[in-house]
């Protein structure tokens, strides 16, 4: 159970990072 939660957290963290990078790229495009 603990390992699965850890894995899920890792997945979500990666997704969040991707989203942040995408938003940064969009802001750069806008400016």
PDB file of N, CA and C in Angstrom:
ATOM      1  N   UNK A   1       0.853  -1.201   0.000  1.00  0.00           N
ATOM      2  CA  UNK A   1       0.000   0.000   0.000  1.00  0.00           C
ATOM      3  C   UNK A   1       0.891   1.255   0.000  1.00  0.00           C
ATOM      4  N   UNK A   2       1.849   1.299   0.866  1.00  0.00           N
ATOM      5  CA  UNK A   2       2.698   2.497   0.944  1.00  0.00           C
ATOM      6  C   UNK A   2       3.408   2.730  -0.394  1.00  0.00           C
ATOM      7  N   UNK A   3       3.936   1.662  -0.965  1.00  0.00           N
ATOM      8  CA  UNK A   3       4.673   1.809  -2.231  1.00  0.00           C
ATOM      9  C   UNK A   3       3.747   2.345  -3.321  1.00  0.00           C
ATOM     10  N   UNK A   4       2.515   1.846  -3.376  1.00  0.00           N
ATOM     11  CA  UNK A   4       1.598   2.314  -4.420  1.00  0.00           C
ATOM     12  C   UNK A   4       1.338   3.810  -4.252  1.00  0.00           C
ATOM     13  N   UNK A   5       1.118   4.236  -3.023  1.00  0.00           N
ATOM     14  CA  UNK A   5       0.874   5.669  -2.777  1.00  0.00           C
ATOM     15  C   UNK A   5       2.084   6.475  -3.227  1.00  0.00           C
ATOM     16  N   UNK A   6       3.263   5.997  -2.862  1.00  0.00           N
ATOM     17  CA  UNK A   6       4.488   6.704  -3.249  1.00  0.00           C
ATOM     18  C   UNK A   6       4.575   6.819  -4.764  1.00  0.00           C
ATOM     19  N   UNK A   7       4.251   5.695  -5.433  1.00  0.00           N
ATOM     20  CA  UNK A   7       4.305   5.705  -6.900  1.00  0.00           C
ATOM     21  C   UNK A   7       3.302   6.725  -7.454  1.00  0.00           C
ATOM     22  N   UNK A   8       2.105   6.727  -6.899  1.00  0.00           N
ATOM     23  CA  UNK A   8       1.086   7.670  -7.384  1.00  0.00           C
ATOM     24  C   UNK A   8       1.574   9.107  -7.176  1.00  0.00           C
ATOM     25  N   UNK A   9       2.110   9.373  -6.007  1.00  0.00           N
ATOM     26  CA  UNK A   9       2.617  10.730  -5.733  1.00  0.00           C
ATOM     27  C   UNK A   9       3.663  11.108  -6.765  1.00  0.00           C
ATOM     28  N   UNK A  10       4.552  10.166  -7.064  1.00  0.00           N
ATOM     29  CA  UNK A  10       5.604  10.451  -8.043  1.00  0.00           C
ATOM     30  C   UNK A  10       4.967  10.806  -9.389  1.00  0.00           C
ATOM     31  N   UNK A  11       3.978  10.004  -9.783  1.00  0.00           N
ATOM     32  CA  UNK A  11       3.310  10.254 -11.072  1.00  0.00           C
ATOM     33  C   UNK A  11       2.717  11.663 -11.080  1.00  0.00           C
ATOM     34  N   UNK A  12       1.968  12.002 -10.034  1.00  0.00           N
ATOM     35  CA  UNK A  12       1.334  13.320  -9.989  1.00  0.00           C
ATOM     36  C   UNK A  12       2.376  14.432  -9.984  1.00  0.00           C
ATOM     37  N   UNK A  13       3.466  14.205  -9.271  1.00  0.00           N
ATOM     38  CA  UNK A  13       4.523  15.228  -9.237  1.00  0.00           C
ATOM     39  C   UNK A  13       5.059  15.458 -10.642  1.00  0.00           C
ATOM     40  N   UNK A  14       5.301  14.368 -11.372  1.00  0.00           N
ATOM     41  CA  UNK A  14       5.805  14.514 -12.747  1.00  0.00           C
ATOM     42  C   UNK A  14       4.799  15.298 -13.575  1.00  0.00           C
ATOM     43  N   UNK A  15       3.518  14.961 -13.416  1.00  0.00           N
ATOM     44  CA  UNK A  15       2.480  15.639 -14.200  1.00  0.00           C
ATOM     45  C   UNK A  15       2.478  17.135 -13.861  1.00  0.00           C
ATOM     46  N   UNK A  16       2.537  17.448 -12.578  1.00  0.00           N
ATOM     47  CA  UNK A  16       2.551  18.858 -12.160  1.00  0.00           C
ATOM     48  C   UNK A  16       3.736  19.576 -12.790  1.00  0.00           C
ATOM     49  N   UNK A  17       4.888  18.924 -12.784  1.00  0.00           N
ATOM     50  CA  UNK A  17       6.081  19.550 -13.358  1.00  0.00           C
ATOM     51  C   UNK A  17       5.827  19.848 -14.834  1.00  0.00           C
ATOM     52  N   UNK A  18       5.255  18.874 -15.537  1.00  0.00           N
ATOM     53  CA  UNK A  18       4.990  19.066 -16.971  1.00  0.00           C
ATOM     54  C   UNK A  18       4.049  20.260 -17.147  1.00  0.00           C
ATOM     55  N   UNK A  19       3.006  20.303 -16.343  1.00  0.00           N
ATOM     56  CA  UNK A  19       2.047  21.413 -16.452  1.00  0.00           C
ATOM     57  C   UNK A  19       2.757  22.741 -16.224  1.00  0.00           C
ATOM     58  N   UNK A  20       3.579  22.799 -15.201  1.00  0.00           N
ATOM     59  CA  UNK A  20       4.300  24.050 -14.903  1.00  0.00           C
ATOM     60  C   UNK A  20       5.160  24.448 -16.095  1.00  0.00           C
ATOM     61  N   UNK A  21       5.880  23.481 -16.643  1.00  0.00           N
ATOM     62  CA  UNK A  21       6.741  23.801 -17.793  1.00  0.00           C
ATOM     63  C   UNK A  21       5.895  24.317 -18.950  1.00  0.00           C
ATOM     64  N   UNK A  22       4.747  23.669 -19.170  1.00  0.00           N
ATOM     65  CA  UNK A  22       3.869  24.088 -20.277  1.00  0.00           C
ATOM     66  C   UNK A  22       3.404  25.525 -20.042  1.00  0.00           C
ATOM     67  N   UNK A  23       2.975  25.833 -18.813  1.00  0.00           N
ATOM     68  CA  UNK A  23       2.507  27.195 -18.528  1.00  0.00           C
ATOM     69  C   UNK A  23       3.635  28.194 -18.760  1.00  0.00           C
ATOM     70  N   UNK A  24       4.832  27.848 -18.343  1.00  0.00           N
ATOM     71  CA  UNK A  24       5.979  28.755 -18.538  1.00  0.00           C
ATOM     72  C   UNK A  24       6.196  28.974 -20.032  1.00  0.00           C
ATOM     73  N   UNK A  25       6.142  27.888 -20.806  1.00  0.00           N
ATOM     74  CA  UNK A  25       6.342  28.018 -22.259  1.00  0.00           C
ATOM     75  C   UNK A  25       5.252  28.916 -22.844  1.00  0.00           C
ATOM     76  N   UNK A  26       4.009  28.730 -22.412  1.00  0.00           N
ATOM     77  CA  UNK A  26       2.899  29.544 -22.930  1.00  0.00           C
ATOM     78  C   UNK A  26       3.147  31.015 -22.602  1.00  0.00           C
ATOM     79  N   UNK A  27       3.548  31.294 -21.372  1.00  0.00           N
ATOM     80  CA  UNK A  27       3.808  32.690 -20.986  1.00  0.00           C
ATOM     81  C   UNK A  27       4.894  33.268 -21.888  1.00  0.00           C
ATOM     82  N   UNK A  28       5.915  32.471 -22.162  1.00  0.00           N
ATOM     83  CA  UNK A  28       7.010  32.951 -23.015  1.00  0.00           C
ATOM     84  C   UNK A  28       6.452  33.265 -24.404  1.00  0.00           C
ATOM     85  N   UNK A  29       5.587  32.367 -24.906  1.00  0.00           N
ATOM     86  CA  UNK A  29       5.010  32.584 -26.240  1.00  0.00           C
ATOM     87  C   UNK A  29       4.206  33.886 -26.253  1.00  0.00           C
ATOM     88  N   UNK A  30       3.444  34.097 -25.190  1.00  0.00           N
ATOM     89  CA  UNK A  30       2.585  35.288 -25.141  1.00  0.00           C
ATOM     90  C   UNK A  30       3.438  36.554 -25.159  1.00  0.00           C
ATOM     91  N   UNK A  31       4.514  36.574 -24.418  1.00  0.00           N
ATOM     92  CA  UNK A  31       5.333  37.796 -24.339  1.00  0.00           C
ATOM     93  C   UNK A  31       6.267  37.962 -25.518  1.00  0.00           C
TER      94      UNK A  31
END
